[in-house]
Structures are given as structure tokens and as C-alpha cells.
């Protein structure tokens, strides 16, 4: 198993720079093809204009979005020119209301989508919508790259956040090409249930599955000594000098996590290493 098609969506040359660089590096490591979507956004909210507004105003917004996409295309081509990977760049425009179906349709045939961190300074609703569109509507695993992070030339330690969930298992299966290249895959369990079916050997069956796929796996059982599971995982990543984190995405509803928080949202806000997710 290997990745053959990597996709990324670029809406801003600066904030998406780390994601583009990571996508290029993954394509080089996996001998994959890179599809870059340069997306110009019309951020006009539905119903913003009163009835009878001049159609030229609306048209101007679409023209500006296309100009933004063309500028991104020129920037990306300059970055990729001379690289030793196979790549293609396409431009497109979309309104915020139609962003989810557009991204899902354009990314659904990729093996992996590499995107920038959706939360933080300079990020808008569209960044979160793009990540969720690929995960939920395109049904594609997503690699989220934090600001300023560099995807490693070689993966030493990969941390797997394991909680027995279907989402976590989907992420692990999707990450197998990465895990097989890692020096070690550390299966991290935070306060596993004391009366669960695997209480005598937490993470044992997962470890066996990974070993059969050629992954060098080990298990770490962690106590929840901090308020949030994401805090424990981030500290564990730092303690192990991890290069990547693999985890399931949104075990709770997205609405609940947006209001109350959750491991996925918290991790995407604070992670210092690339995060591989699937749902």
C-alpha cells in the first residue's frame, strides 16, 4: 500500500505554505502525484445584498475571486517548477455557501489531503470548512500541518492516539504507508478502561495488526494527569520527540466540539507536529 495521489487546497500563499511544502515532500517519499487546487473565494454571505442590487457588484466579487486564484496558481507553479515530483495545478472559484460540496468533489479521489492548520491567526471559517469537507464529505484522510512545521525527511517516532474507536482505526489504516516508514510507532492509550475487553493487554491486538504490516510498534499507557486528553497527547509527543501524530477525527459531533471543545479541535489548535486524521 502506498499513496499515489496527494491533494492540497491553497487559499492563501502565506498561511498554506507549510502544507504545500509538506505535500511536496510526501509525494517525493511516496512517489506520488500532487494535485494542487488554487481556490479563489467569494466571501460574500448569502443574502448580503438587497433585492435588486446591481448584478455588476456580484460579478465583481467573482472576478476578484478568479484573480486571486490566478495569483495563487502563478505562485504555486513558481514553487513547484523544477521539482522532481509529478504535479498538476488547477484554479477554481467558490462561494462560501458552496465550499463544502466543491472541496469534497475535488478531493474525493485522492489518497491523502494535506492542509494547513484550520485554527489560529489569519484563519477563517473557510479553513475549517475545507478540512471538514475533505474528512466528512470527501471521505479522505487528512494531514494537518501546523504553522511553521516541516514534514520530516524521515519519520523517527509516530504517535498513535488509540481509544478503540472506529475513527482511530480508520486513521491508522490510512496512515499505514507513513507508519511503515517510521522507526517506531508508539501506540498511546490515555487512561484505558479498567474493565474493557483488552484490560489485560491494552493495545495488544492493534500492535499485532501493525507488526503484521511491517510496522515497528510499541505501546505506552498514559495516565490522564492533565485536564484534557489533547494536553496529555501533546506532552507525550514532546517527550518522545514525535514527528507525527495519528488520531481519529471527531468522535463527537462537530457541533458539540465547536461549542464545548473536544480532543480533535483541541489537538488541531495546539499540535506542534503534523496530525494525520480520518473519520
Protein backbone atom coordinates (compact mmCIF):
# COMPACT_ATOMS: atom_id res chain seq x y z
CA UNK A 1 0.00 0.00 0.00
CA UNK A 2 1.24 3.47 -0.90
CA UNK A 3 -0.13 6.89 -1.62
CA UNK A 4 -0.42 7.58 -5.33
CA UNK A 5 -2.40 10.83 -5.33
CA UNK A 6 -1.83 13.63 -2.83
CA UNK A 7 -4.05 16.72 -2.93
CA UNK A 8 -3.88 20.10 -1.26
CA UNK A 9 -6.10 23.19 -1.36
CA UNK A 10 -4.43 26.60 -1.38
CA UNK A 11 -6.41 29.72 -0.47
CA UNK A 12 -3.56 31.89 0.83
CA UNK A 13 0.08 31.71 -0.24
CA UNK A 14 1.43 32.53 3.22
CA UNK A 15 -0.79 30.51 5.55
CA UNK A 16 -0.77 27.46 3.26
CA UNK A 17 3.00 27.48 2.61
CA UNK A 18 3.80 24.76 5.17
CA UNK A 19 1.05 22.50 3.83
CA UNK A 20 2.29 22.84 0.24
CA UNK A 21 5.87 22.08 1.28
CA UNK A 22 4.71 19.03 3.25
CA UNK A 23 2.63 17.77 0.33
CA UNK A 24 5.65 18.03 -1.97
CA UNK A 25 7.83 16.12 0.49
CA UNK A 26 5.25 13.35 0.97
CA UNK A 27 4.92 12.98 -2.81
CA UNK A 28 8.68 12.66 -3.08
CA UNK A 29 8.80 10.00 -0.34
CA UNK A 30 5.83 8.03 -1.68
CA UNK A 31 6.47 8.55 -5.42
CA UNK A 32 3.00 10.08 -5.65
CA UNK A 33 1.32 12.65 -7.89
CA UNK A 34 0.45 16.04 -6.40
CA UNK A 35 -2.79 17.83 -7.27
CA UNK A 36 -2.87 21.46 -6.14
CA UNK A 37 -6.19 23.32 -6.12
CA UNK A 38 -5.72 27.10 -6.10
CA UNK A 39 -9.00 28.37 -4.78
CA UNK A 40 -10.26 31.93 -5.04
CA UNK A 41 -13.09 32.60 -2.59
CA UNK A 42 -16.07 34.88 -2.89
CA UNK A 43 -16.65 35.54 0.80
CA UNK A 44 -19.96 37.34 0.28
CA UNK A 45 -22.51 35.93 2.70
CA UNK A 46 -25.83 34.72 1.21
CA UNK A 47 -28.44 37.44 1.47
CA UNK A 48 -25.84 40.18 1.93
CA UNK A 49 -27.17 42.22 -0.98
CA UNK A 50 -30.69 43.61 -1.01
CA UNK A 51 -33.15 42.58 -3.69
CA UNK A 52 -32.46 44.35 -6.96
CA UNK A 53 -28.80 45.05 -6.23
CA UNK A 54 -26.70 45.70 -9.27
CA UNK A 55 -25.60 42.39 -10.77
CA UNK A 56 -22.28 44.02 -11.60
CA UNK A 57 -21.41 44.14 -7.89
CA UNK A 58 -21.87 40.41 -7.55
CA UNK A 59 -19.94 39.83 -10.76
CA UNK A 60 -17.07 41.96 -9.44
CA UNK A 61 -16.74 39.63 -6.46
CA UNK A 62 -16.44 36.61 -8.74
CA UNK A 63 -13.90 38.37 -10.94
CA UNK A 64 -11.82 39.21 -7.86
CA UNK A 65 -12.00 35.59 -6.71
CA UNK A 66 -10.73 34.43 -10.10
CA UNK A 67 -7.88 36.95 -9.98
CA UNK A 68 -6.93 35.64 -6.52
CA UNK A 69 -6.93 32.08 -7.87
CA UNK A 70 -4.74 33.08 -10.81
CA UNK A 71 -2.22 34.75 -8.50
CA UNK A 72 -2.10 31.62 -6.34
CA UNK A 73 -1.59 29.48 -9.43
CA UNK A 74 1.38 31.59 -10.53
CA UNK A 75 2.87 31.38 -7.04
CA UNK A 76 2.44 27.61 -6.79
CA UNK A 77 3.88 26.98 -10.25
CA UNK A 78 6.91 29.03 -9.29
CA UNK A 79 7.33 26.91 -6.15
CA UNK A 80 6.95 23.60 -7.98
CA UNK A 81 8.89 24.45 -11.13
CA UNK A 82 11.96 22.26 -11.31
CA UNK A 83 10.81 19.86 -8.57
CA UNK A 84 11.32 16.15 -9.17
CA UNK A 85 7.71 15.12 -8.50
CA UNK A 86 4.73 14.79 -10.80
CA UNK A 87 2.26 17.61 -10.24
CA UNK A 88 -0.71 19.48 -11.65
CA UNK A 89 -2.23 22.82 -10.66
CA UNK A 90 -5.78 23.91 -11.28
CA UNK A 91 -7.64 27.11 -10.43
CA UNK A 92 -11.20 27.41 -9.25
CA UNK A 93 -13.55 29.84 -7.55
CA UNK A 94 -16.24 29.12 -5.00
CA UNK A 95 -18.62 30.94 -2.72
CA UNK A 96 -18.55 30.11 0.97
CA UNK A 97 -22.02 28.57 0.77
CA UNK A 98 -20.84 26.09 -1.86
CA UNK A 99 -17.40 25.40 -0.44
CA UNK A 100 -18.13 22.02 1.18
CA UNK A 101 -19.50 20.17 -1.89
CA UNK A 102 -16.82 21.74 -4.08
CA UNK A 103 -13.88 20.59 -1.91
CA UNK A 104 -15.42 17.15 -1.38
CA UNK A 105 -15.83 16.64 -5.13
CA UNK A 106 -12.29 17.81 -5.97
CA UNK A 107 -10.54 15.75 -3.27
CA UNK A 108 -12.57 12.51 -3.19
CA UNK A 109 -10.19 10.54 -5.43
CA UNK A 110 -7.05 11.49 -3.52
CA UNK A 111 -5.34 9.02 -1.19
CA UNK A 112 -4.42 11.83 1.21
CA UNK A 113 -5.24 15.54 1.50
CA UNK A 114 -2.60 17.79 3.07
CA UNK A 115 -3.97 21.01 4.57
CA UNK A 116 -2.89 23.87 6.79
CA UNK A 117 -3.96 24.21 10.40
CA UNK A 118 -7.58 25.44 10.37
CA UNK A 119 -7.47 27.43 13.62
CA UNK A 120 -5.40 30.40 14.72
CA UNK A 121 -4.37 33.85 13.48
CA UNK A 122 -5.22 34.53 9.86
CA UNK A 123 -7.65 31.62 9.68
CA UNK A 124 -11.30 31.99 8.79
CA UNK A 125 -14.36 29.80 8.60
CA UNK A 126 -13.26 28.60 5.17
CA UNK A 127 -10.17 26.87 6.60
CA UNK A 128 -12.24 24.78 8.99
CA UNK A 129 -14.81 24.09 6.26
CA UNK A 130 -12.13 22.79 3.87
CA UNK A 131 -10.73 20.33 6.43
CA UNK A 132 -14.17 19.06 7.38
CA UNK A 133 -15.32 18.84 3.75
CA UNK A 134 -12.43 16.52 2.87
CA UNK A 135 -12.91 14.40 6.01
CA UNK A 136 -16.69 14.06 6.13
CA UNK A 137 -17.92 14.66 2.59
CA UNK A 138 -14.93 13.53 0.56
CA UNK A 139 -14.20 10.62 2.96
CA UNK A 140 -10.47 11.19 2.54
CA UNK A 141 -7.79 11.08 5.28
CA UNK A 142 -6.31 14.49 6.03
CA UNK A 143 -2.83 15.50 7.15
CA UNK A 144 -2.93 18.84 9.01
CA UNK A 145 0.33 20.80 9.11
CA UNK A 146 0.81 23.31 11.96
CA UNK A 147 2.17 26.78 11.25
CA UNK A 148 5.91 26.71 10.66
CA UNK A 149 6.14 22.93 10.98
CA UNK A 150 8.23 20.97 8.50
CA UNK A 151 7.32 17.47 7.42
CA UNK A 152 10.36 15.32 8.29
CA UNK A 153 12.69 13.88 5.70
CA UNK A 154 12.46 10.61 7.63
CA UNK A 155 9.95 9.75 10.36
CA UNK A 156 11.52 8.63 13.60
CA UNK A 157 8.64 8.32 16.08
CA UNK A 158 4.98 8.29 15.10
CA UNK A 159 2.46 8.58 17.94
CA UNK A 160 -0.87 6.78 17.54
CA UNK A 161 -3.71 8.06 19.73
CA UNK A 162 -5.64 4.84 20.35
CA UNK A 163 -9.03 4.78 22.09
CA UNK A 164 -10.64 1.71 20.48
CA UNK A 165 -12.83 3.94 18.26
CA UNK A 166 -13.74 3.33 14.63
CA UNK A 167 -12.38 6.79 13.79
CA UNK A 168 -8.97 5.97 15.28
CA UNK A 169 -8.80 2.65 13.44
CA UNK A 170 -9.70 4.37 10.15
CA UNK A 171 -6.88 6.86 10.70
CA UNK A 172 -4.41 4.07 11.45
CA UNK A 173 -5.32 2.14 8.31
CA UNK A 174 -5.00 5.33 6.24
CA UNK A 175 -1.61 6.09 7.83
CA UNK A 176 -0.06 2.66 7.16
CA UNK A 177 2.31 3.93 4.41
CA UNK A 178 3.63 6.52 6.86
CA UNK A 179 3.78 4.13 9.82
CA UNK A 180 5.68 1.53 7.81
CA UNK A 181 8.40 4.10 7.14
CA UNK A 182 8.65 5.21 10.78
CA UNK A 183 11.44 4.00 13.04
CA UNK A 184 8.83 3.24 15.70
CA UNK A 185 5.06 3.63 16.05
CA UNK A 186 4.14 4.41 19.65
CA UNK A 187 0.56 3.38 20.49
CA UNK A 188 -0.57 5.81 23.19
CA UNK A 189 -3.57 4.95 25.36
CA UNK A 190 -4.78 7.58 27.83
CA UNK A 191 -6.50 6.02 30.86
CA UNK A 192 -7.77 2.87 29.09
CA UNK A 193 -10.91 1.36 30.67
CA UNK A 194 -10.10 -0.96 33.55
CA UNK A 195 -12.92 -3.33 32.67
CA UNK A 196 -12.63 -3.30 28.88
CA UNK A 197 -12.05 -6.42 26.75
CA UNK A 198 -8.35 -5.53 26.36
CA UNK A 199 -7.70 -4.67 30.01
CA UNK A 200 -5.05 -7.39 30.37
CA UNK A 201 -3.20 -6.30 27.21
CA UNK A 202 -4.18 -2.75 26.23
CA UNK A 203 -3.25 -2.04 22.64
CA UNK A 204 -2.04 -5.60 22.13
CA UNK A 205 -4.31 -6.51 19.21
CA UNK A 206 -3.59 -3.24 17.43
CA UNK A 207 0.13 -3.78 17.93
CA UNK A 208 -0.16 -7.25 16.42
CA UNK A 209 -2.02 -5.90 13.39
CA UNK A 210 0.62 -3.24 12.80
CA UNK A 211 3.52 -5.65 13.19
CA UNK A 212 1.99 -7.88 10.53
CA UNK A 213 2.08 -4.85 8.22
CA UNK A 214 5.76 -4.34 8.88
CA UNK A 215 5.32 -1.55 11.42
CA UNK A 216 7.67 -1.48 14.43
CA UNK A 217 5.10 -0.90 17.16
CA UNK A 218 5.24 -0.34 20.90
CA UNK A 219 2.57 0.50 23.49
CA UNK A 220 2.51 3.33 26.04
CA UNK A 221 -0.26 3.54 28.66
CA UNK A 222 -0.61 7.13 29.88
CA UNK A 223 -2.38 8.48 32.94
CA UNK A 224 -4.69 11.45 32.46
CA UNK A 225 -2.69 13.79 34.66
CA UNK A 226 -3.79 16.91 32.78
CA UNK A 227 -7.28 18.38 32.26
CA UNK A 228 -7.63 17.41 28.61
CA UNK A 229 -6.62 14.33 26.66
CA UNK A 230 -5.13 16.59 24.00
CA UNK A 231 -2.82 18.07 26.65
CA UNK A 232 -1.58 14.59 27.60
CA UNK A 233 -1.02 13.66 23.95
CA UNK A 234 0.83 16.89 23.18
CA UNK A 235 3.11 16.37 26.17
CA UNK A 236 3.71 12.77 25.10
CA UNK A 237 4.58 13.93 21.58
CA UNK A 238 7.06 16.40 23.05
CA UNK A 239 8.56 13.82 25.44
CA UNK A 240 9.10 11.35 22.60
CA UNK A 241 10.22 14.00 20.08
CA UNK A 242 7.49 12.70 17.79
CA UNK A 243 7.44 13.57 14.11
CA UNK A 244 3.75 12.88 13.50
CA UNK A 245 0.52 12.10 15.37
CA UNK A 246 -2.16 9.74 14.05
CA UNK A 247 -5.65 10.05 15.51
CA UNK A 248 -9.33 9.62 14.74
CA UNK A 249 -11.29 12.77 13.93
CA UNK A 250 -14.42 13.99 15.67
CA UNK A 251 -15.66 11.08 17.74
CA UNK A 252 -18.32 13.55 18.94
CA UNK A 253 -20.41 15.71 16.63
CA UNK A 254 -18.69 18.69 15.02
CA UNK A 255 -21.32 21.00 16.55
CA UNK A 256 -20.60 19.70 20.04
CA UNK A 257 -16.86 20.13 19.57
CA UNK A 258 -17.26 23.65 18.17
CA UNK A 259 -19.24 24.67 21.27
CA UNK A 260 -17.76 22.55 24.07
CA UNK A 261 -14.43 21.58 22.60
CA UNK A 262 -13.07 18.08 22.13
CA UNK A 263 -9.88 16.15 21.54
CA UNK A 264 -9.90 16.77 17.78
CA UNK A 265 -10.47 20.50 17.89
CA UNK A 266 -8.12 20.99 20.83
CA UNK A 267 -5.39 18.99 19.12
CA UNK A 268 -5.72 20.94 15.88
CA UNK A 269 -5.44 24.17 17.85
CA UNK A 270 -2.32 23.25 19.82
CA UNK A 271 -0.44 20.47 18.00
CA UNK A 272 3.17 21.25 17.10
CA UNK A 273 3.61 18.22 14.81
CA UNK A 274 1.69 17.12 11.69
CA UNK A 275 -1.60 15.39 12.58
CA UNK A 276 -2.99 12.59 10.40
CA UNK A 277 -6.75 12.19 10.79
CA UNK A 278 -9.62 10.16 9.36
CA UNK A 279 -13.27 9.74 10.21
